[in-house]
Amino acid sequence: MKAEIITIGDELLIGQVVDTNSAWMAQRLNEAGISLHQVTSVHDDREHILRALDEAFSRADIVLTTGGLGPTKDDITKHVLCEYFQTVLIEDPSVREHIHTLYKERPEVLNRLTETQWLVPEAATILPNRVGSAPIMVLDFPSDSPVNGANTPYLIAMPGVPYEMQVAMQEQVLPYLKQRTAKSQARGEIIHRTILLAGIPESTLAIRIEAWEEALPSSMHLAYLPKDGTIRLRLSSYGQASNEEMDAQIAVLLPMIADYVIALEDKPLEAILGELLKQRACTISTAESCTGGRLAAALNALPGSSAYYLGSVVAYANEVKEQVLGVAHDTLMQHGAVSEQTVREMAEGVRRLMHTDYAIATSGIAGPDGGMEEKPIGTVWIAWATPEGTVAERYQFGVARLREQITQRAVTTALVRMIQVVKQ
């Protein structure tokens, strides 16, 4: 089955809102064995939406839309869908009852605009939206439509608010899709195998595995996905290879890249590190200067992180490095804040302060100001304190990079090396 996503809303096209919905939906669709072929964003404009629908249905079996289902005048999706599917809006008693229940503690919300939310296309199948007022709508083409046939395409319209969309997908849309695709046709399984690597340039990796890649059967496709110093190497099959065939190819590949493998799955680095620390009943803390708490945010973002992450000190000023982390005044005066000596003492200081097994410290020049000839913008020192001792390394993440890119590269590097250290 082929799917396309159409996200509707002016806010997406002027950069006011970032489209996180499509990436999340793409993952869920792949897991359900439905191949996503295209994502399109359109304005809250009748002609634009109609053209996008025509184009999507020329390629896809399933079209999923998000956005434009609110009660205000700029939300026109329901009206355009009625036009496209040759139907009209009618009142749905079940949606009305749900909205009254949803807002029973907020009667001021129930007004003449809210009342339009229980108007739905007459031809639609309505799936309940437990957490919002905009119902989920499934629309099929009329029986006399030329697109009807053995595998008739259809549309599912969902709210654009990310939380509502995710609940709608998990509770209603995915079960509906599973049931309907099972009835329409047997489908091959979409299989992905992802290996996370670090410490090797993308081009060097490609040369190293070139012979293996060229020998891959036509049923498999390899993709290189570099990001912040890591590479996700993804081997995919869209219904044409078995799990056993995929595993056999990975088994041949792994000895060629073993020195650079971080994980044999597509997981965030902080999740990989967290699992390792929990398995070993170990704890970690961080002392951050140039990364400004980003390491801490990554480490405590996951449920259960309190089992291994104890705390952080964001020590931007030298006074904080001295008074809280115990960095020697002479160290700062002789070597500066961005130095091996300082970052070592930061890591050892926070490990001592928090009583953790491991600690990470960062100090660098993220720009756009502050660079010097001997320490240009992009210079970052990172230290890893362990029960066996402390290791520090200097990195140059590029004078032309933006501040955010430099700090994110530092966070990624710090996590990668910590994973390698804990694994030893």
Protein backbone atom coordinates (compact mmCIF):
# COMPACT_ATOMS: atom_id res chain seq x y z
CA MET A 1 0.00 0.00 0.00
CA LYS A 2 1.23 3.49 -0.88
CA ALA A 3 0.42 6.49 1.29
CA GLU A 4 0.88 10.23 1.01
CA ILE A 5 0.56 12.93 3.66
CA ILE A 6 -0.83 16.41 3.04
CA THR A 7 -0.26 18.90 5.86
CA ILE A 8 -2.56 21.91 5.66
CA GLY A 9 -1.88 25.31 7.16
CA ASP A 10 -0.33 28.67 6.31
CA GLU A 11 1.71 28.48 9.52
CA LEU A 12 3.72 25.57 8.09
CA LEU A 13 4.72 27.47 4.96
CA ILE A 14 5.83 30.67 6.66
CA GLY A 15 7.97 28.82 9.19
CA GLN A 16 5.84 29.76 12.18
CA VAL A 17 5.23 26.07 12.99
CA VAL A 18 7.61 23.19 12.23
CA ASP A 19 6.00 20.12 10.66
CA THR A 20 6.85 17.42 13.18
CA ASN A 21 3.69 15.49 12.34
CA SER A 22 4.93 14.05 9.06
CA ALA A 23 8.11 12.50 10.46
CA TRP A 24 6.19 10.93 13.33
CA MET A 25 3.48 9.62 11.01
CA ALA A 26 6.06 8.24 8.57
CA GLN A 27 7.57 6.09 11.31
CA ARG A 28 4.18 4.72 12.34
CA LEU A 29 3.16 3.99 8.75
CA ASN A 30 6.39 2.10 8.08
CA GLU A 31 5.85 0.04 11.20
CA ALA A 32 2.38 -0.81 9.87
CA GLY A 33 3.82 -1.95 6.54
CA ILE A 34 2.53 1.04 4.58
CA SER A 35 5.02 2.79 2.33
CA LEU A 36 5.02 6.60 2.47
CA HIS A 37 5.81 8.07 -0.96
CA GLN A 38 5.43 11.81 -0.52
CA VAL A 39 4.70 14.59 1.97
CA THR A 40 3.15 17.84 0.75
CA SER A 41 2.43 21.05 2.67
CA VAL A 42 -0.23 23.43 1.39
CA HIS A 43 -1.79 26.76 2.33
CA ASP A 44 -5.28 27.14 3.78
CA ASP A 45 -6.43 27.75 0.23
CA ARG A 46 -9.18 25.93 -1.67
CA GLU A 47 -7.38 25.69 -5.01
CA HIS A 48 -4.12 24.64 -3.41
CA ILE A 49 -5.78 21.86 -1.40
CA LEU A 50 -7.77 20.58 -4.40
CA ARG A 51 -4.63 20.39 -6.57
CA ALA A 52 -2.73 18.58 -3.81
CA LEU A 53 -5.55 16.03 -3.48
CA ASP A 54 -5.62 15.37 -7.23
CA GLU A 55 -1.87 14.84 -7.33
CA ALA A 56 -1.82 12.62 -4.25
CA PHE A 57 -4.61 10.37 -5.48
CA SER A 58 -2.82 9.96 -8.81
CA ARG A 59 -0.08 8.13 -6.92
CA ALA A 60 -1.35 6.83 -3.59
CA ASP A 61 -3.82 4.33 -2.19
CA ILE A 62 -4.19 6.24 1.10
CA VAL A 63 -4.02 10.00 1.62
CA LEU A 64 -3.72 11.32 5.17
CA THR A 65 -4.31 15.00 5.89
CA THR A 66 -3.59 16.99 9.02
CA GLY A 67 -4.76 20.49 9.88
CA GLY A 68 -7.45 22.93 8.89
CA LEU A 69 -10.20 21.30 10.98
CA GLY A 70 -10.66 24.04 13.57
CA PRO A 71 -13.79 26.19 14.05
CA THR A 72 -12.42 29.48 12.66
CA LYS A 73 -12.81 30.90 9.15
CA ASP A 74 -9.24 30.11 8.11
CA ASP A 75 -9.87 26.38 8.68
CA ILE A 76 -11.48 25.30 5.41
CA THR A 77 -10.43 21.66 5.10
CA LYS A 78 -13.89 20.18 5.80
CA HIS A 79 -15.54 22.38 3.21
CA VAL A 80 -12.96 21.55 0.55
CA LEU A 81 -13.22 17.84 1.29
CA CYS A 82 -16.99 18.02 0.86
CA GLU A 83 -16.47 19.59 -2.54
CA TYR A 84 -13.85 17.05 -3.55
CA PHE A 85 -15.84 13.99 -2.45
CA GLN A 86 -19.20 15.37 -3.66
CA THR A 87 -20.93 15.46 -0.29
CA VAL A 88 -22.33 18.00 2.18
CA LEU A 89 -21.91 18.85 5.85
CA ILE A 90 -24.42 17.43 8.32
CA GLU A 91 -24.68 17.43 12.09
CA ASP A 92 -23.29 14.36 13.85
CA PRO A 93 -24.98 13.72 17.23
CA SER A 94 -22.13 11.57 18.56
CA VAL A 95 -19.58 14.31 17.85
CA ARG A 96 -21.86 16.90 19.47
CA GLU A 97 -22.20 14.77 22.59
CA HIS A 98 -18.43 14.26 22.74
CA ILE A 99 -17.77 18.01 22.48
CA HIS A 100 -20.26 18.80 25.26
CA THR A 101 -18.57 16.20 27.46
CA LEU A 102 -15.10 17.46 26.55
CA TYR A 103 -15.96 21.04 27.57
CA LYS A 104 -18.37 20.44 30.43
CA GLU A 105 -15.94 22.14 32.84
CA ARG A 106 -15.42 25.01 30.40
CA PRO A 107 -18.90 26.08 29.23
CA GLU A 108 -17.51 29.36 27.87
CA VAL A 109 -15.88 27.37 25.07
CA LEU A 110 -19.25 26.18 23.79
CA ASN A 111 -20.29 28.91 21.37
CA ARG A 112 -21.52 29.29 17.80
CA LEU A 113 -18.05 28.56 16.41
CA THR A 114 -17.53 25.45 18.52
CA GLU A 115 -20.89 24.18 17.26
CA THR A 116 -19.45 23.95 13.74
CA GLN A 117 -17.14 21.17 14.95
CA TRP A 118 -19.99 18.67 14.99
CA LEU A 119 -20.73 19.35 11.34
CA VAL A 120 -19.10 16.58 9.31
CA PRO A 121 -19.22 15.39 5.68
CA GLU A 122 -22.29 13.22 5.21
CA ALA A 123 -20.30 10.63 3.29
CA ALA A 124 -17.59 10.32 5.96
CA THR A 125 -16.98 7.50 8.38
CA ILE A 126 -16.31 9.19 11.72
CA LEU A 127 -13.63 7.92 14.07
CA PRO A 128 -13.66 9.44 17.58
CA ASN A 129 -11.04 11.96 18.66
CA ARG A 130 -10.82 11.34 22.40
CA VAL A 131 -8.71 14.40 23.22
CA GLY A 132 -10.02 17.07 20.85
CA SER A 133 -13.11 18.55 19.25
CA ALA A 134 -12.24 17.88 15.59
CA PRO A 135 -13.39 14.37 14.59
CA ILE A 136 -11.27 12.02 12.51
CA MET A 137 -12.93 11.56 9.11
CA VAL A 138 -12.54 8.77 6.56
CA LEU A 139 -13.75 9.62 3.05
CA ASP A 140 -14.21 7.26 0.11
CA PHE A 141 -15.03 8.27 -3.44
CA PRO A 142 -18.65 7.96 -4.61
CA SER A 143 -19.55 4.59 -6.14
CA ASP A 144 -19.81 6.10 -9.61
CA SER A 145 -16.38 7.77 -9.41
CA PRO A 146 -13.86 6.75 -12.10
CA VAL A 147 -11.23 6.08 -9.41
CA ASN A 148 -13.28 3.25 -7.91
CA GLY A 149 -11.95 -0.18 -8.66
CA ALA A 150 -10.34 -3.22 -7.12
CA ASN A 151 -8.17 -1.09 -4.84
CA THR A 152 -10.13 2.12 -4.27
CA PRO A 153 -8.09 4.92 -2.67
CA TYR A 154 -9.43 6.81 0.34
CA LEU A 155 -8.60 9.74 2.61
CA ILE A 156 -8.27 10.10 6.37
CA ALA A 157 -8.44 13.65 7.76
CA MET A 158 -6.97 14.36 11.20
CA PRO A 159 -6.39 17.41 13.39
CA GLY A 160 -3.04 19.15 13.04
CA VAL A 161 -2.24 19.66 16.73
CA PRO A 162 0.61 17.14 17.24
CA TYR A 163 -0.70 15.68 20.49
CA GLU A 164 -4.21 15.20 19.05
CA MET A 165 -2.82 13.73 15.83
CA GLN A 166 -0.65 11.23 17.69
CA VAL A 167 -3.53 10.04 19.88
CA ALA A 168 -5.75 9.82 16.78
CA MET A 169 -3.16 7.75 14.92
CA GLN A 170 -2.43 5.39 17.79
CA GLU A 171 -5.99 4.83 18.98
CA GLN A 172 -8.02 5.04 15.78
CA VAL A 173 -6.20 5.46 12.48
CA LEU A 174 -3.59 2.71 12.72
CA PRO A 175 -6.09 0.04 13.84
CA TYR A 176 -8.42 1.17 11.04
CA LEU A 177 -5.63 1.01 8.46
CA LYS A 178 -4.57 -2.44 9.65
CA GLN A 179 -8.09 -3.76 9.31
CA ARG A 180 -8.74 -2.17 5.95
CA THR A 181 -5.42 -3.06 4.31
CA ALA A 182 -5.81 -6.66 5.46
CA LYS A 183 -9.16 -6.79 3.65
CA SER A 184 -8.02 -5.07 0.47
CA GLN A 185 -4.91 -7.06 -0.35
CA ALA A 186 -2.07 -9.09 1.04
CA ARG A 187 0.98 -6.92 1.43
CA GLY A 188 4.66 -7.64 1.75
CA GLU A 189 6.45 -6.66 4.92
CA ILE A 190 8.54 -3.49 5.02
CA ILE A 191 11.83 -4.35 6.73
CA HIS A 192 14.54 -1.96 7.90
CA ARG A 193 17.86 -2.82 9.51
CA THR A 194 19.72 0.20 10.90
CA ILE A 195 23.28 0.32 12.22
CA LEU A 196 24.49 3.40 14.09
CA LEU A 197 28.17 4.25 13.51
CA ALA A 198 30.56 6.96 14.64
CA GLY A 199 34.20 7.85 14.06
CA ILE A 200 34.31 7.27 10.31
CA PRO A 201 33.56 9.76 7.49
CA GLU A 202 30.65 8.90 5.23
CA SER A 203 32.83 8.71 2.12
CA THR A 204 35.37 6.45 3.86
CA LEU A 205 32.58 4.17 4.99
CA ALA A 206 31.18 3.97 1.47
CA ILE A 207 34.58 2.96 0.07
CA ARG A 208 35.10 0.37 2.79
CA ILE A 209 31.81 -1.41 2.09
CA GLU A 210 31.66 -0.71 -1.64
CA ALA A 211 32.01 -4.33 -2.78
CA TRP A 212 29.38 -5.49 -0.29
CA GLU A 213 26.96 -2.75 -1.37
CA GLU A 214 27.39 -3.51 -5.07
CA ALA A 215 26.66 -7.20 -4.41
CA LEU A 216 23.34 -6.48 -2.66
CA PRO A 217 20.31 -8.06 -4.34
CA SER A 218 17.96 -5.69 -6.16
CA SER A 219 15.31 -6.29 -3.47
CA MET A 220 17.40 -4.32 -0.95
CA HIS A 221 18.31 -0.66 -0.77
CA LEU A 222 21.10 0.93 1.28
CA ALA A 223 20.96 4.50 2.61
CA TYR A 224 23.59 6.62 4.39
CA LEU A 225 22.14 9.06 6.93
CA PRO A 226 24.89 11.23 8.46
CA LYS A 227 24.13 13.56 11.37
CA ASP A 228 26.37 15.44 13.81
CA GLY A 229 29.31 13.04 13.46
CA THR A 230 27.28 9.83 13.39
CA ILE A 231 26.01 7.77 10.47
CA ARG A 232 22.87 5.69 10.38
CA LEU A 233 23.38 2.98 7.80
CA ARG A 234 19.94 1.67 6.82
CA LEU A 235 19.27 -1.44 4.77
CA SER A 236 15.65 -1.59 3.57
CA SER A 237 13.35 -3.96 1.74
CA TYR A 238 9.83 -2.99 0.73
CA GLY A 239 8.06 -6.31 0.71
CA GLN A 240 10.60 -8.16 -1.44
CA ALA A 241 13.04 -9.76 1.02
CA SER A 242 12.64 -11.89 4.14
CA ASN A 243 13.97 -11.15 7.61
CA GLU A 244 16.41 -14.03 7.20
CA GLU A 245 17.80 -12.60 3.95
CA MET A 246 18.25 -9.19 5.55
CA ASP A 247 19.97 -10.67 8.60
CA ALA A 248 22.32 -12.65 6.37
CA GLN A 249 23.45 -9.47 4.60
CA ILE A 250 24.01 -7.67 7.90
CA ALA A 251 26.08 -10.60 9.16
CA VAL A 252 28.40 -10.20 6.18
CA LEU A 253 28.63 -6.44 6.68
CA LEU A 254 29.37 -6.24 10.40
CA PRO A 255 32.97 -7.53 10.41
CA MET A 256 33.89 -4.75 7.95
CA ILE A 257 32.66 -1.95 10.22
CA ALA A 258 32.91 -3.45 13.73
CA ASP A 259 35.31 -0.76 15.02
CA TYR A 260 32.77 2.00 14.37
CA VAL A 261 29.49 0.39 15.42
CA ILE A 262 27.66 2.12 18.29
CA ALA A 263 24.39 0.17 18.11
CA LEU A 264 22.55 -2.28 15.88
CA GLU A 265 19.34 -0.28 16.02
CA ASP A 266 18.02 3.20 15.33
CA LYS A 267 17.88 4.70 18.80
CA PRO A 268 18.85 8.08 20.24
CA LEU A 269 22.36 8.09 21.71
CA GLU A 270 21.02 9.07 25.13
CA ALA A 271 18.73 6.03 25.10
CA ILE A 272 21.62 3.71 24.22
CA LEU A 273 23.77 5.18 27.00
CA GLY A 274 20.91 5.05 29.49
CA GLU A 275 20.30 1.35 28.84
CA LEU A 276 24.01 0.58 29.27
CA LEU A 277 24.16 2.47 32.57
CA LYS A 278 21.04 0.74 33.88
CA GLN A 279 22.38 -2.68 32.88
CA ARG A 280 25.55 -1.99 34.85
CA ALA A 281 23.78 -0.21 37.74
CA CYS A 282 25.97 2.86 37.15
CA THR A 283 25.28 6.58 37.43
CA ILE A 284 26.35 9.68 35.53
CA SER A 285 26.52 13.46 35.94
CA THR A 286 27.60 16.34 33.71
CA ALA A 287 29.48 19.63 33.99
CA GLU A 288 28.74 21.91 31.06
CA SER A 289 30.04 25.19 29.81
CA CYS A 290 29.66 25.61 26.04
CA THR A 291 26.82 23.05 25.76
CA GLY A 292 24.73 25.03 28.24
CA GLY A 293 22.73 22.15 29.72
CA ARG A 294 22.04 20.32 26.48
CA LEU A 295 23.75 17.18 27.75
CA ALA A 296 21.60 17.28 30.86
CA ALA A 297 18.46 17.78 28.77
CA ALA A 298 19.34 14.76 26.62
CA LEU A 299 20.13 12.51 29.56
CA ASN A 300 16.97 13.23 31.54
CA ALA A 301 14.58 13.32 28.58
CA LEU A 302 13.77 9.62 28.80
CA PRO A 303 11.43 7.91 31.27
CA GLY A 304 13.38 6.16 34.01
CA SER A 305 16.46 8.36 33.65
CA SER A 306 16.49 8.97 37.41
CA ALA A 307 17.93 5.46 37.75
CA TYR A 308 21.25 6.60 36.27
CA TYR A 309 21.30 10.40 35.77
CA LEU A 310 21.86 12.28 39.03
CA GLY A 311 22.43 15.89 38.03
CA SER A 312 24.39 18.57 36.23
CA VAL A 313 26.23 21.82 36.83
CA VAL A 314 26.07 24.39 34.04
CA ALA A 315 29.23 26.33 34.83
CA TYR A 316 29.53 29.08 32.28
CA ALA A 317 31.35 31.61 34.45
CA ASN A 318 34.83 30.87 35.80
CA GLU A 319 33.59 31.67 39.31
CA VAL A 320 31.10 28.79 39.08
CA LYS A 321 33.79 26.46 37.78
CA GLU A 322 35.92 27.33 40.79
CA GLN A 323 33.36 27.61 43.57
CA VAL A 324 31.02 24.75 42.63
CA LEU A 325 33.16 22.30 40.66
CA GLY A 326 36.45 22.93 42.44
CA VAL A 327 38.48 23.89 39.38
CA ALA A 328 41.71 25.44 40.64
CA HIS A 329 42.10 29.19 40.17
CA ASP A 330 45.64 28.65 38.92
CA THR A 331 44.37 26.21 36.27
CA LEU A 332 42.02 28.81 34.85
CA MET A 333 44.65 31.55 34.96
CA GLN A 334 47.41 29.48 33.34
CA HIS A 335 45.43 27.46 30.80
CA GLY A 336 42.09 29.21 30.38
CA ALA A 337 38.54 27.89 30.56
CA VAL A 338 38.84 26.12 27.20
CA SER A 339 41.66 23.73 27.96
CA GLU A 340 42.42 20.13 28.75
CA GLN A 341 43.34 20.92 32.34
CA THR A 342 40.13 22.83 33.04
CA VAL A 343 37.78 20.32 31.46
CA ARG A 344 39.47 17.45 33.33
CA GLU A 345 38.96 19.23 36.64
CA MET A 346 35.35 20.01 35.72
CA ALA A 347 34.59 16.33 35.04
CA GLU A 348 36.34 15.14 38.17
CA GLY A 349 34.70 17.88 40.22
CA VAL A 350 31.13 17.07 39.18
CA ARG A 351 31.75 13.34 39.57
CA ARG A 352 32.95 14.00 43.10
CA LEU A 353 30.13 16.44 43.83
CA MET A 354 27.35 14.15 42.58
CA HIS A 355 28.96 10.86 43.74
CA THR A 356 28.48 9.24 40.31
CA ASP A 357 30.36 6.48 38.55
CA TYR A 358 30.85 8.53 35.39
CA ALA A 359 30.88 12.20 34.45
CA ILE A 360 31.17 14.27 31.28
CA ALA A 361 32.45 17.84 31.04
CA THR A 362 32.46 20.27 28.11
CA SER A 363 34.14 23.62 27.55
CA GLY A 364 34.58 25.36 24.23
CA ILE A 365 34.15 28.35 21.95
CA ALA A 366 30.83 28.04 20.14
CA GLY A 367 30.93 31.53 18.63
CA PRO A 368 30.10 33.69 16.91
CA ASP A 369 32.62 35.65 19.00
CA GLY A 370 35.50 34.69 21.24
CA GLY A 371 37.74 32.82 18.83
CA MET A 372 41.51 33.22 18.92
CA GLU A 373 44.33 32.02 16.69
CA GLU A 374 45.27 29.19 19.05
CA LYS A 375 41.62 28.50 19.97
CA PRO A 376 39.40 29.32 16.98
CA ILE A 377 35.62 29.16 16.99
CA GLY A 378 34.54 25.54 17.07
CA THR A 379 37.24 24.46 19.52
CA VAL A 380 35.74 22.21 22.20
CA TRP A 381 37.40 20.21 24.96
CA ILE A 382 35.45 17.22 26.33
CA ALA A 383 36.43 15.09 29.30
CA TRP A 384 35.07 11.77 30.53
CA ALA A 385 35.72 10.88 34.18
CA THR A 386 35.43 7.20 35.10
CA PRO A 387 36.37 4.97 38.05
CA GLU A 388 39.58 4.15 36.15
CA GLY A 389 40.58 7.75 35.49
CA THR A 390 39.86 10.74 33.27
CA VAL A 391 40.33 11.16 29.54
CA ALA A 392 40.10 14.51 27.72
CA GLU A 393 40.13 15.27 24.01
CA ARG A 394 40.21 18.42 21.90
CA TYR A 395 37.88 18.78 18.92
CA GLN A 396 37.55 21.34 16.16
CA PHE A 397 33.97 21.36 14.97
CA GLY A 398 34.47 24.02 12.31
CA VAL A 399 34.89 27.78 12.32
CA ALA A 400 32.10 28.20 9.77
CA ARG A 401 29.47 26.30 11.71
CA LEU A 402 26.65 28.01 13.56
CA ARG A 403 26.71 28.13 17.36
CA GLU A 404 23.89 25.61 17.60
CA GLN A 405 25.65 23.21 15.24
CA ILE A 406 28.84 23.34 17.28
CA THR A 407 27.10 22.70 20.59
CA GLN A 408 25.03 19.87 19.15
CA ARG A 409 28.13 18.25 17.66
CA ALA A 410 29.77 18.48 21.09
CA VAL A 411 26.78 16.79 22.74
CA THR A 412 26.78 14.00 20.16
CA THR A 413 30.52 13.44 20.51
CA ALA A 414 30.31 13.40 24.30
CA LEU A 415 27.55 10.78 24.26
CA VAL A 416 29.23 8.59 21.62
CA ARG A 417 32.51 8.43 23.53
CA MET A 418 30.70 7.80 26.82
CA ILE A 419 28.89 4.85 25.24
CA GLN A 420 32.21 3.46 24.09
CA VAL A 421 33.76 3.95 27.54
CA VAL A 422 30.88 2.27 29.38
CA LYS A 423 30.92 -0.67 26.95
CA GLN A 424 34.60 -1.40 27.68
